[in-house]
C-alpha atoms as a PDB file:
ATOM      1  CA  UNK A   1     251.532  75.479 -20.224  1.00  0.00           C
ATOM      2  CA  UNK A   2     249.942  74.277 -16.991  1.00  0.00           C
ATOM      3  CA  UNK A   3     246.616  73.648 -18.734  1.00  0.00           C
ATOM      4  CA  UNK A   4     248.312  71.618 -21.456  1.00  0.00           C
ATOM      5  CA  UNK A   5     250.215  69.487 -18.941  1.00  0.00           C
ATOM      6  CA  UNK A   6     247.070  68.877 -16.902  1.00  0.00           C
ATOM      7  CA  UNK A   7     245.151  67.836 -19.998  1.00  0.00           C
ATOM      8  CA  UNK A   8     247.820  65.310 -20.929  1.00  0.00           C
ATOM      9  CA  UNK A   9     248.772  63.770 -17.600  1.00  0.00           C
ATOM     10  CA  UNK A  10     246.157  64.649 -14.987  1.00  0.00           C
ATOM     11  CA  UNK A  11     242.564  63.455 -15.415  1.00  0.00           C
ATOM     12  CA  UNK A  12     239.770  65.990 -15.334  1.00  0.00           C
ATOM     13  CA  UNK A  13     236.573  65.182 -13.474  1.00  0.00           C
ATOM     14  CA  UNK A  14     233.568  64.064 -15.457  1.00  0.00           C
ATOM     15  CA  UNK A  15     230.033  63.121 -14.454  1.00  0.00           C
ATOM     16  CA  UNK A  16     228.104  60.186 -15.848  1.00  0.00           C
ATOM     17  CA  UNK A  17     224.782  61.659 -16.975  1.00  0.00           C
ATOM     18  CA  UNK A  18     223.124  58.572 -18.446  1.00  0.00           C
ATOM     19  CA  UNK A  19     223.855  54.877 -18.912  1.00  0.00           C
ATOM     20  CA  UNK A  20     222.206  52.747 -21.590  1.00  0.00           C
ATOM     21  CA  UNK A  21     222.447  48.953 -21.635  1.00  0.00           C
ATOM     22  CA  UNK A  22     223.426  47.909 -25.166  1.00  0.00           C
ATOM     23  CA  UNK A  23     224.050  44.200 -24.478  1.00  0.00           C
ATOM     24  CA  UNK A  24     224.552  42.185 -21.266  1.00  0.00           C
ATOM     25  CA  UNK A  25     228.241  43.194 -21.282  1.00  0.00           C
ATOM     26  CA  UNK A  26     228.253  46.527 -23.170  1.00  0.00           C
ATOM     27  CA  UNK A  27     226.957  49.869 -21.899  1.00  0.00           C
ATOM     28  CA  UNK A  28     226.788  53.316 -23.483  1.00  0.00           C
ATOM     29  CA  UNK A  29     227.911  56.049 -21.083  1.00  0.00           C
ATOM     30  CA  UNK A  30     226.945  59.668 -21.675  1.00  0.00           C
ATOM     31  CA  UNK A  31     229.364  61.838 -19.735  1.00  0.00           C
ATOM     32  CA  UNK A  32     229.717  65.522 -19.010  1.00  0.00           C
ATOM     33  CA  UNK A  33     233.344  66.550 -18.440  1.00  0.00           C
ATOM     34  CA  UNK A  34     234.122  69.478 -16.193  1.00  0.00           C
ATOM     35  CA  UNK A  35     236.607  70.636 -18.815  1.00  0.00           C
ATOM     36  CA  UNK A  36     234.857  70.839 -22.174  1.00  0.00           C
ATOM     37  CA  UNK A  37     236.909  70.003 -25.265  1.00  0.00           C
ATOM     38  CA  UNK A  38     236.591  69.473 -28.992  1.00  0.00           C
ATOM     39  CA  UNK A  39     237.213  66.075 -30.537  1.00  0.00           C
ATOM     40  CA  UNK A  40     237.223  64.448 -33.956  1.00  0.00           C
ATOM     41  CA  UNK A  41     236.099  61.073 -35.354  1.00  0.00           C
ATOM     42  CA  UNK A  42     238.597  58.365 -34.440  1.00  0.00           C
ATOM     43  CA  UNK A  43     240.011  59.989 -31.328  1.00  0.00           C
ATOM     44  CA  UNK A  44     239.951  58.401 -27.879  1.00  0.00           C
ATOM     45  CA  UNK A  45     240.110  59.371 -24.209  1.00  0.00           C
ATOM     46  CA  UNK A  46     241.703  57.762 -21.180  1.00  0.00           C
ATOM     47  CA  UNK A  47     239.022  56.920 -18.620  1.00  0.00           C
ATOM     48  CA  UNK A  48     240.020  56.328 -14.999  1.00  0.00           C
ATOM     49  CA  UNK A  49     238.633  55.362 -11.621  1.00  0.00           C
ATOM     50  CA  UNK A  50     240.620  56.413  -8.549  1.00  0.00           C
ATOM     51  CA  UNK A  51     242.291  53.382  -6.995  1.00  0.00           C
ATOM     52  CA  UNK A  52     241.204  51.075  -9.838  1.00  0.00           C
ATOM     53  CA  UNK A  53     243.041  52.074 -13.006  1.00  0.00           C
ATOM     54  CA  UNK A  54     242.761  53.667 -16.424  1.00  0.00           C
ATOM     55  CA  UNK A  55     241.764  52.448 -19.897  1.00  0.00           C
ATOM     56  CA  UNK A  56     241.672  53.932 -23.433  1.00  0.00           C
ATOM     57  CA  UNK A  57     238.123  54.252 -24.797  1.00  0.00           C
ATOM     58  CA  UNK A  58     237.096  55.397 -28.283  1.00  0.00           C
ATOM     59  CA  UNK A  59     234.736  58.363 -28.468  1.00  0.00           C
ATOM     60  CA  UNK A  60     231.558  57.295 -30.257  1.00  0.00           C
ATOM     61  CA  UNK A  61     229.670  60.612 -30.208  1.00  0.00           C
ATOM     62  CA  UNK A  62     229.931  63.386 -32.799  1.00  0.00           C
ATOM     63  CA  UNK A  63     231.141  66.798 -31.647  1.00  0.00           C
ATOM     64  CA  UNK A  64     228.535  69.475 -32.254  1.00  0.00           C
ATOM     65  CA  UNK A  65     225.752  66.930 -32.684  1.00  0.00           C
ATOM     66  CA  UNK A  66     225.575  65.044 -29.387  1.00  0.00           C
ATOM     67  CA  UNK A  67     225.058  66.942 -26.166  1.00  0.00           C
ATOM     68  CA  UNK A  68     227.395  64.737 -24.153  1.00  0.00           C
ATOM     69  CA  UNK A  69     230.500  62.701 -24.854  1.00  0.00           C
ATOM     70  CA  UNK A  70     229.435  59.124 -25.481  1.00  0.00           C
ATOM     71  CA  UNK A  71     231.605  56.126 -24.635  1.00  0.00           C
ATOM     72  CA  UNK A  72     230.633  52.535 -25.386  1.00  0.00           C
ATOM     73  CA  UNK A  73     232.377  50.263 -22.878  1.00  0.00           C
ATOM     74  CA  UNK A  74     232.485  46.473 -22.854  1.00  0.00           C
ATOM     75  CA  UNK A  75     233.092  44.626 -19.605  1.00  0.00           C
ATOM     76  CA  UNK A  76     236.286  42.687 -20.328  1.00  0.00           C
ATOM     77  CA  UNK A  77     238.790  43.465 -17.562  1.00  0.00           C
ATOM     78  CA  UNK A  78     239.317  44.834 -14.055  1.00  0.00           C
ATOM     79  CA  UNK A  79     238.862  48.515 -14.924  1.00  0.00           C
ATOM     80  CA  UNK A  80     236.020  48.166 -17.421  1.00  0.00           C
ATOM     81  CA  UNK A  81     234.178  45.843 -15.026  1.00  0.00           C
ATOM     82  CA  UNK A  82     234.397  48.500 -12.310  1.00  0.00           C
ATOM     83  CA  UNK A  83     233.198  51.213 -14.698  1.00  0.00           C
ATOM     84  CA  UNK A  84     230.225  49.069 -15.746  1.00  0.00           C
ATOM     85  CA  UNK A  85     229.098  48.903 -12.113  1.00  0.00           C
ATOM     86  CA  UNK A  86     228.747  52.687 -11.883  1.00  0.00           C
ATOM     87  CA  UNK A  87     225.419  54.512 -11.826  1.00  0.00           C
ATOM     88  CA  UNK A  88     224.323  57.907 -13.217  1.00  0.00           C
ATOM     89  CA  UNK A  89     225.800  60.881 -11.305  1.00  0.00           C
ATOM     90  CA  UNK A  90     228.970  58.901 -10.544  1.00  0.00           C
ATOM     91  CA  UNK A  91     232.278  60.682 -11.197  1.00  0.00           C
ATOM     92  CA  UNK A  92     235.112  59.389 -13.344  1.00  0.00           C
ATOM     93  CA  UNK A  93     238.433  60.785 -14.542  1.00  0.00           C
ATOM     94  CA  UNK A  94     239.049  61.612 -18.178  1.00  0.00           C
ATOM     95  CA  UNK A  95     242.148  62.632 -20.158  1.00  0.00           C
ATOM     96  CA  UNK A  96     242.256  63.624 -23.793  1.00  0.00           C
ATOM     97  CA  UNK A  97     241.231  63.643 -26.497  1.00  0.00           C
ATOM     98  CA  UNK A  98     244.194  61.765 -27.956  1.00  0.00           C
ATOM     99  CA  UNK A  99     245.174  60.324 -31.312  1.00  0.00           C
ATOM    100  CA  UNK A 100     244.683  61.304 -34.927  1.00  0.00           C
ATOM    101  CA  UNK A 101     241.491  61.388 -36.956  1.00  0.00           C
ATOM    102  CA  UNK A 102     240.131  59.746 -40.082  1.00  0.00           C
ATOM    103  CA  UNK A 103     241.154  61.522 -43.335  1.00  0.00           C
ATOM    104  CA  UNK A 104     237.623  62.531 -44.259  1.00  0.00           C
ATOM    105  CA  UNK A 105     238.702  65.275 -46.664  1.00  0.00           C
ATOM    106  CA  UNK A 106     240.722  62.823 -48.747  1.00  0.00           C
ATOM    107  CA  UNK A 107     237.553  60.846 -49.428  1.00  0.00           C
ATOM    108  CA  UNK A 108     235.613  63.790 -50.865  1.00  0.00           C
ATOM    109  CA  UNK A 109     234.181  62.975 -54.286  1.00  0.00           C
ATOM    110  CA  UNK A 110     234.804  59.240 -53.778  1.00  0.00           C
ATOM    111  CA  UNK A 111     232.752  56.187 -52.913  1.00  0.00           C
ATOM    112  CA  UNK A 112     233.084  55.357 -49.211  1.00  0.00           C
ATOM    113  CA  UNK A 113     232.940  51.908 -47.648  1.00  0.00           C
ATOM    114  CA  UNK A 114     232.777  51.142 -43.922  1.00  0.00           C
ATOM    115  CA  UNK A 115     233.421  47.643 -42.615  1.00  0.00           C
ATOM    116  CA  UNK A 116     232.804  46.993 -38.923  1.00  0.00           C
ATOM    117  CA  UNK A 117     233.017  43.897 -36.799  1.00  0.00           C
ATOM    118  CA  UNK A 118     231.399  43.734 -33.355  1.00  0.00           C
ATOM    119  CA  UNK A 119     232.454  46.665 -31.194  1.00  0.00           C
ATOM    120  CA  UNK A 120     234.283  48.090 -34.221  1.00  0.00           C
ATOM    121  CA  UNK A 121     231.177  50.104 -35.072  1.00  0.00           C
ATOM    122  CA  UNK A 122     231.945  52.302 -32.040  1.00  0.00           C
ATOM    123  CA  UNK A 123     234.858  54.400 -33.426  1.00  0.00           C
ATOM    124  CA  UNK A 124     233.308  54.346 -36.915  1.00  0.00           C
ATOM    125  CA  UNK A 125     229.963  55.752 -35.729  1.00  0.00           C
ATOM    126  CA  UNK A 126     231.048  59.444 -35.551  1.00  0.00           C
ATOM    127  CA  UNK A 127     232.806  59.136 -38.906  1.00  0.00           C
ATOM    128  CA  UNK A 128     229.737  57.620 -40.535  1.00  0.00           C
ATOM    129  CA  UNK A 129     227.525  60.335 -39.047  1.00  0.00           C
ATOM    130  CA  UNK A 130     229.870  63.084 -40.239  1.00  0.00           C
ATOM    131  CA  UNK A 131     229.955  61.727 -43.790  1.00  0.00           C
ATOM    132  CA  UNK A 132     226.213  60.982 -43.947  1.00  0.00           C
ATOM    133  CA  UNK A 133     225.442  64.549 -42.830  1.00  0.00           C
ATOM    134  CA  UNK A 134     227.569  65.833 -45.733  1.00  0.00           C
ATOM    135  CA  UNK A 135     226.694  63.104 -48.203  1.00  0.00           C
ATOM    136  CA  UNK A 136     226.627  65.526 -51.141  1.00  0.00           C
ATOM    137  CA  UNK A 137     230.410  65.736 -50.805  1.00  0.00           C
ATOM    138  CA  UNK A 138     230.744  62.014 -51.501  1.00  0.00           C
ATOM    139  CA  UNK A 139     229.509  59.466 -53.999  1.00  0.00           C
ATOM    140  CA  UNK A 140     227.961  56.206 -52.824  1.00  0.00           C
ATOM    141  CA  UNK A 141     228.258  55.268 -49.159  1.00  0.00           C
ATOM    142  CA  UNK A 142     228.049  51.699 -47.844  1.00  0.00           C
ATOM    143  CA  UNK A 143     228.406  49.831 -44.552  1.00  0.00           C
ATOM    144  CA  UNK A 144     229.065  46.142 -43.975  1.00  0.00           C
ATOM    145  CA  UNK A 145     228.577  45.376 -40.286  1.00  0.00           C
ATOM    146  CA  UNK A 146     229.035  41.939 -38.774  1.00  0.00           C
ATOM    147  CA  UNK A 147     228.179  40.710 -35.271  1.00  0.00           C
ATOM    148  CA  UNK A 148     228.351  37.375 -33.491  1.00  0.00           C
ATOM    149  CA  UNK A 149     224.547  37.271 -33.213  1.00  0.00           C
ATOM    150  CA  UNK A 150     221.573  39.616 -33.770  1.00  0.00           C
ATOM    151  CA  UNK A 151     221.415  40.754 -30.134  1.00  0.00           C
ATOM    152  CA  UNK A 152     224.940  42.177 -30.388  1.00  0.00           C
ATOM    153  CA  UNK A 153     224.193  44.586 -33.247  1.00  0.00           C
ATOM    154  CA  UNK A 154     224.851  48.027 -31.746  1.00  0.00           C
ATOM    155  CA  UNK A 155     223.293  51.419 -32.576  1.00  0.00           C
ATOM    156  CA  UNK A 156     220.287  50.012 -34.433  1.00  0.00           C
ATOM    157  CA  UNK A 157     218.503  53.380 -34.334  1.00  0.00           C
ATOM    158  CA  UNK A 158     221.490  55.050 -35.973  1.00  0.00           C
ATOM    159  CA  UNK A 159     221.641  52.330 -38.609  1.00  0.00           C
ATOM    160  CA  UNK A 160     217.987  52.967 -39.496  1.00  0.00           C
ATOM    161  CA  UNK A 161     218.691  56.700 -39.818  1.00  0.00           C
ATOM    162  CA  UNK A 162     221.747  56.106 -42.000  1.00  0.00           C
ATOM    163  CA  UNK A 163     219.742  53.815 -44.260  1.00  0.00           C
ATOM    164  CA  UNK A 164     216.949  56.371 -44.624  1.00  0.00           C
ATOM    165  CA  UNK A 165     219.547  58.941 -45.637  1.00  0.00           C
ATOM    166  CA  UNK A 166     220.696  56.773 -48.519  1.00  0.00           C
ATOM    167  CA  UNK A 167     223.433  54.558 -47.088  1.00  0.00           C
ATOM    168  CA  UNK A 168     223.605  51.012 -48.464  1.00  0.00           C
ATOM    169  CA  UNK A 169     223.799  48.758 -45.392  1.00  0.00           C
ATOM    170  CA  UNK A 170     224.606  45.070 -45.149  1.00  0.00           C
ATOM    171  CA  UNK A 171     224.150  43.469 -41.735  1.00  0.00           C
ATOM    172  CA  UNK A 172     225.411  39.953 -41.148  1.00  0.00           C
ATOM    173  CA  UNK A 173     225.734  37.645 -38.136  1.00  0.00           C
ATOM    174  CA  UNK A 174     227.796  34.550 -37.441  1.00  0.00           C
ATOM    175  CA  UNK A 175     224.990  32.816 -35.562  1.00  0.00           C
ATOM    176  CA  UNK A 176     221.330  33.577 -36.264  1.00  0.00           C
ATOM    177  CA  UNK A 177     218.434  33.217 -33.851  1.00  0.00           C
ATOM    178  CA  UNK A 178     214.826  32.280 -34.564  1.00  0.00           C
ATOM    179  CA  UNK A 179     213.816  35.836 -35.410  1.00  0.00           C
ATOM    180  CA  UNK A 180     216.756  36.670 -37.676  1.00  0.00           C
ATOM    181  CA  UNK A 181     215.940  36.653 -41.402  1.00  0.00           C
ATOM    182  CA  UNK A 182     218.999  38.567 -42.572  1.00  0.00           C
ATOM    183  CA  UNK A 183     222.472  37.611 -43.741  1.00  0.00           C
ATOM    184  CA  UNK A 184     224.597  34.953 -42.077  1.00  0.00           C
ATOM    185  CA  UNK A 185     228.350  34.869 -42.570  1.00  0.00           C
ATOM    186  CA  UNK A 186     231.545  36.862 -42.202  1.00  0.00           C
ATOM    187  CA  UNK A 187     231.823  40.452 -43.426  1.00  0.00           C
ATOM    188  CA  UNK A 188     234.432  39.420 -45.999  1.00  0.00           C
ATOM    189  CA  UNK A 189     231.802  37.345 -47.806  1.00  0.00           C
ATOM    190  CA  UNK A 190     229.916  40.541 -48.671  1.00  0.00           C
ATOM    191  CA  UNK A 191     232.718  42.724 -50.019  1.00  0.00           C
ATOM    192  CA  UNK A 192     231.627  42.172 -53.621  1.00  0.00           C
ATOM    193  CA  UNK A 193     227.894  42.332 -53.030  1.00  0.00           C
ATOM    194  CA  UNK A 194     226.938  45.934 -52.099  1.00  0.00           C
ATOM    195  CA  UNK A 195     226.187  48.204 -55.042  1.00  0.00           C
ATOM    196  CA  UNK A 196     229.302  50.285 -54.780  1.00  0.00           C
ATOM    197  CA  UNK A 197     232.500  50.540 -56.806  1.00  0.00           C
ATOM    198  CA  UNK A 198     235.129  49.421 -54.337  1.00  0.00           C
ATOM    199  CA  UNK A 199     238.058  49.879 -56.687  1.00  0.00           C
ATOM    200  CA  UNK A 200     237.996  53.674 -56.321  1.00  0.00           C
ATOM    201  CA  UNK A 201     236.544  53.747 -52.822  1.00  0.00           C
ATOM    202  CA  UNK A 202     237.993  54.886 -49.533  1.00  0.00           C
ATOM    203  CA  UNK A 203     237.563  52.084 -47.009  1.00  0.00           C
ATOM    204  CA  UNK A 204     237.421  52.521 -43.239  1.00  0.00           C
ATOM    205  CA  UNK A 205     237.648  49.351 -41.140  1.00  0.00           C
ATOM    206  CA  UNK A 206     237.408  48.556 -37.448  1.00  0.00           C
ATOM    207  CA  UNK A 207     236.976  45.305 -35.553  1.00  0.00           C
ATOM    208  CA  UNK A 208     238.959  42.370 -34.162  1.00  0.00           C
ATOM    209  CA  UNK A 209     242.508  42.075 -35.596  1.00  0.00           C
ATOM    210  CA  UNK A 210     241.720  38.860 -37.476  1.00  0.00           C
ATOM    211  CA  UNK A 211     238.714  40.521 -39.124  1.00  0.00           C
ATOM    212  CA  UNK A 212     240.732  43.618 -40.036  1.00  0.00           C
ATOM    213  CA  UNK A 213     243.447  41.510 -41.679  1.00  0.00           C
ATOM    214  CA  UNK A 214     240.943  39.439 -43.651  1.00  0.00           C
ATOM    215  CA  UNK A 215     239.020  42.533 -44.782  1.00  0.00           C
ATOM    216  CA  UNK A 216     242.142  44.394 -45.883  1.00  0.00           C
ATOM    217  CA  UNK A 217     243.253  41.331 -47.819  1.00  0.00           C
ATOM    218  CA  UNK A 218     239.835  41.073 -49.462  1.00  0.00           C
ATOM    219  CA  UNK A 219     239.798  44.747 -50.420  1.00  0.00           C
ATOM    220  CA  UNK A 220     243.321  44.517 -51.837  1.00  0.00           C
ATOM    221  CA  UNK A 221     242.327  41.553 -53.989  1.00  0.00           C
ATOM    222  CA  UNK A 222     239.490  43.515 -55.586  1.00  0.00           C
ATOM    223  CA  UNK A 223     241.705  46.477 -56.359  1.00  0.00           C
ATOM    224  CA  UNK A 224     241.325  49.010 -53.539  1.00  0.00           C
ATOM    225  CA  UNK A 225     244.599  50.945 -53.236  1.00  0.00           C
ATOM    226  CA  UNK A 226     246.531  50.449 -49.999  1.00  0.00           C
ATOM    227  CA  UNK A 227     246.691  54.227 -49.476  1.00  0.00           C
ATOM    228  CA  UNK A 228     242.866  54.336 -49.457  1.00  0.00           C
ATOM    229  CA  UNK A 229     242.329  51.659 -46.788  1.00  0.00           C
ATOM    230  CA  UNK A 230     242.290  52.873 -43.174  1.00  0.00           C
ATOM    231  CA  UNK A 231     241.829  51.067 -39.895  1.00  0.00           C
ATOM    232  CA  UNK A 232     242.172  51.664 -36.171  1.00  0.00           C
ATOM    233  CA  UNK A 233     244.857  49.858 -34.170  1.00  0.00           C
ATOM    234  CA  UNK A 234     244.164  50.205 -30.465  1.00  0.00           C
ATOM    235  CA  UNK A 235     245.919  47.203 -28.911  1.00  0.00           C
ATOM    236  CA  UNK A 236     248.404  47.694 -26.049  1.00  0.00           C
ATOM    237  CA  UNK A 237     247.794  51.423 -25.512  1.00  0.00           C
ATOM    238  CA  UNK A 238     248.443  52.392 -21.890  1.00  0.00           C
ATOM    239  CA  UNK A 239     249.357  56.056 -21.373  1.00  0.00           C
ATOM    240  CA  UNK A 240     247.865  57.656 -24.491  1.00  0.00           C
ATOM    241  CA  UNK A 241     250.716  60.140 -24.922  1.00  0.00           C
ATOM    242  CA  UNK A 242     253.636  58.085 -26.227  1.00  0.00           C
ATOM    243  CA  UNK A 243     255.588  57.909 -22.962  1.00  0.00           C
ATOM    244  CA  UNK A 244     255.199  54.354 -21.645  1.00  0.00           C
ATOM    245  CA  UNK A 245     256.251  52.583 -24.842  1.00  0.00           C
ATOM    246  CA  UNK A 246     253.670  49.792 -24.648  1.00  0.00           C
ATOM    247  CA  UNK A 247     252.365  50.545 -28.131  1.00  0.00           C
ATOM    248  CA  UNK A 248     255.697  51.388 -29.792  1.00  0.00           C
ATOM    249  CA  UNK A 249     256.303  49.475 -33.041  1.00  0.00           C
ATOM    250  CA  UNK A 250     259.041  50.183 -35.602  1.00  0.00           C
ATOM    251  CA  UNK A 251     259.279  53.904 -34.923  1.00  0.00           C
ATOM    252  CA  UNK A 252     255.547  54.426 -34.457  1.00  0.00           C
ATOM    253  CA  UNK A 253     253.473  54.982 -31.327  1.00  0.00           C
ATOM    254  CA  UNK A 254     249.952  53.638 -31.863  1.00  0.00           C
ATOM    255  CA  UNK A 255     248.526  56.194 -29.406  1.00  0.00           C
ATOM    256  CA  UNK A 256     250.112  59.351 -30.856  1.00  0.00           C
ATOM    257  CA  UNK A 257     250.875  58.492 -34.493  1.00  0.00           C
ATOM    258  CA  UNK A 258     247.551  56.636 -34.664  1.00  0.00           C
ATOM    259  CA  UNK A 259     245.381  54.947 -33.722  1.00  0.00           C
ATOM    260  CA  UNK A 260     244.311  55.330 -37.367  1.00  0.00           C
ATOM    261  CA  UNK A 261     246.697  54.101 -40.038  1.00  0.00           C
ATOM    262  CA  UNK A 262     246.511  53.402 -43.743  1.00  0.00           C
ATOM    263  CA  UNK A 263     247.254  49.909 -44.973  1.00  0.00           C
ATOM    264  CA  UNK A 264     250.377  51.331 -46.638  1.00  0.00           C
ATOM    265  CA  UNK A 265     251.647  52.509 -43.231  1.00  0.00           C
ATOM    266  CA  UNK A 266     250.730  49.219 -41.587  1.00  0.00           C
ATOM    267  CA  UNK A 267     252.735  47.241 -44.151  1.00  0.00           C
ATOM    268  CA  UNK A 268     255.721  49.572 -43.996  1.00  0.00           C
ATOM    269  CA  UNK A 269     256.006  49.443 -40.200  1.00  0.00           C
ATOM    270  CA  UNK A 270     254.584  45.939 -39.514  1.00  0.00           C
ATOM    271  CA  UNK A 271     251.961  47.436 -37.205  1.00  0.00           C
ATOM    272  CA  UNK A 272     249.503  44.562 -37.002  1.00  0.00           C
ATOM    273  CA  UNK A 273     249.408  43.125 -33.466  1.00  0.00           C
ATOM    274  CA  UNK A 274     250.531  39.517 -33.274  1.00  0.00           C
END
């Protein structure tokens, strides 16, 4: 009982092993927790700095494949700014893992579509890796990934690996630079273009709320069933364990009942953040 309580409420120590600059404001942290734990695609941890605060961060590594837990953190607020100033060997606090996981088994034997916007590729990365590594269990697999500009496309090495393994990938940007010869436009403009049957596909979406809403609407219009569309809703999470009430909406706690919900659940409980 003591171990369970500590894991929920009291952060364990973790060491930052490596830091990789992804963009001017986004860094990938590889961390080694003192207390090892298993985790699944879609889950998150609470990361803390003593005297600064605590924030929920999606796990972007794949358990059993990556040596360390990987967290991709964008500098947007007081806590994340402090974390982004840290150097390798620094210590942080970590609680978790928390939340549910993507229903991978339900998608077996189906086409699978991923749609990511900006930092939304982060929680989808371990799911994509898990499915790509067992691609014989699925039909066609596709990714539509949109960024503001080419320099903000994350995990380019992973994307190359996924493509070599047979994934159909569409990259698009809102603003191109001189060297960009790819697609320009919103992800919703490419829903009908990849060579995949969306009508019977399982779709997994992550990105800004406005992009999620537009993508779900686009998928619904082309016939994807609302029970087969899943997204992550991470806004307003504070404690991670359903105690503070910040993420409570219509009988659901985003942190404990989610953060992954089907479109059917989102409609039933009005879960989209305003």
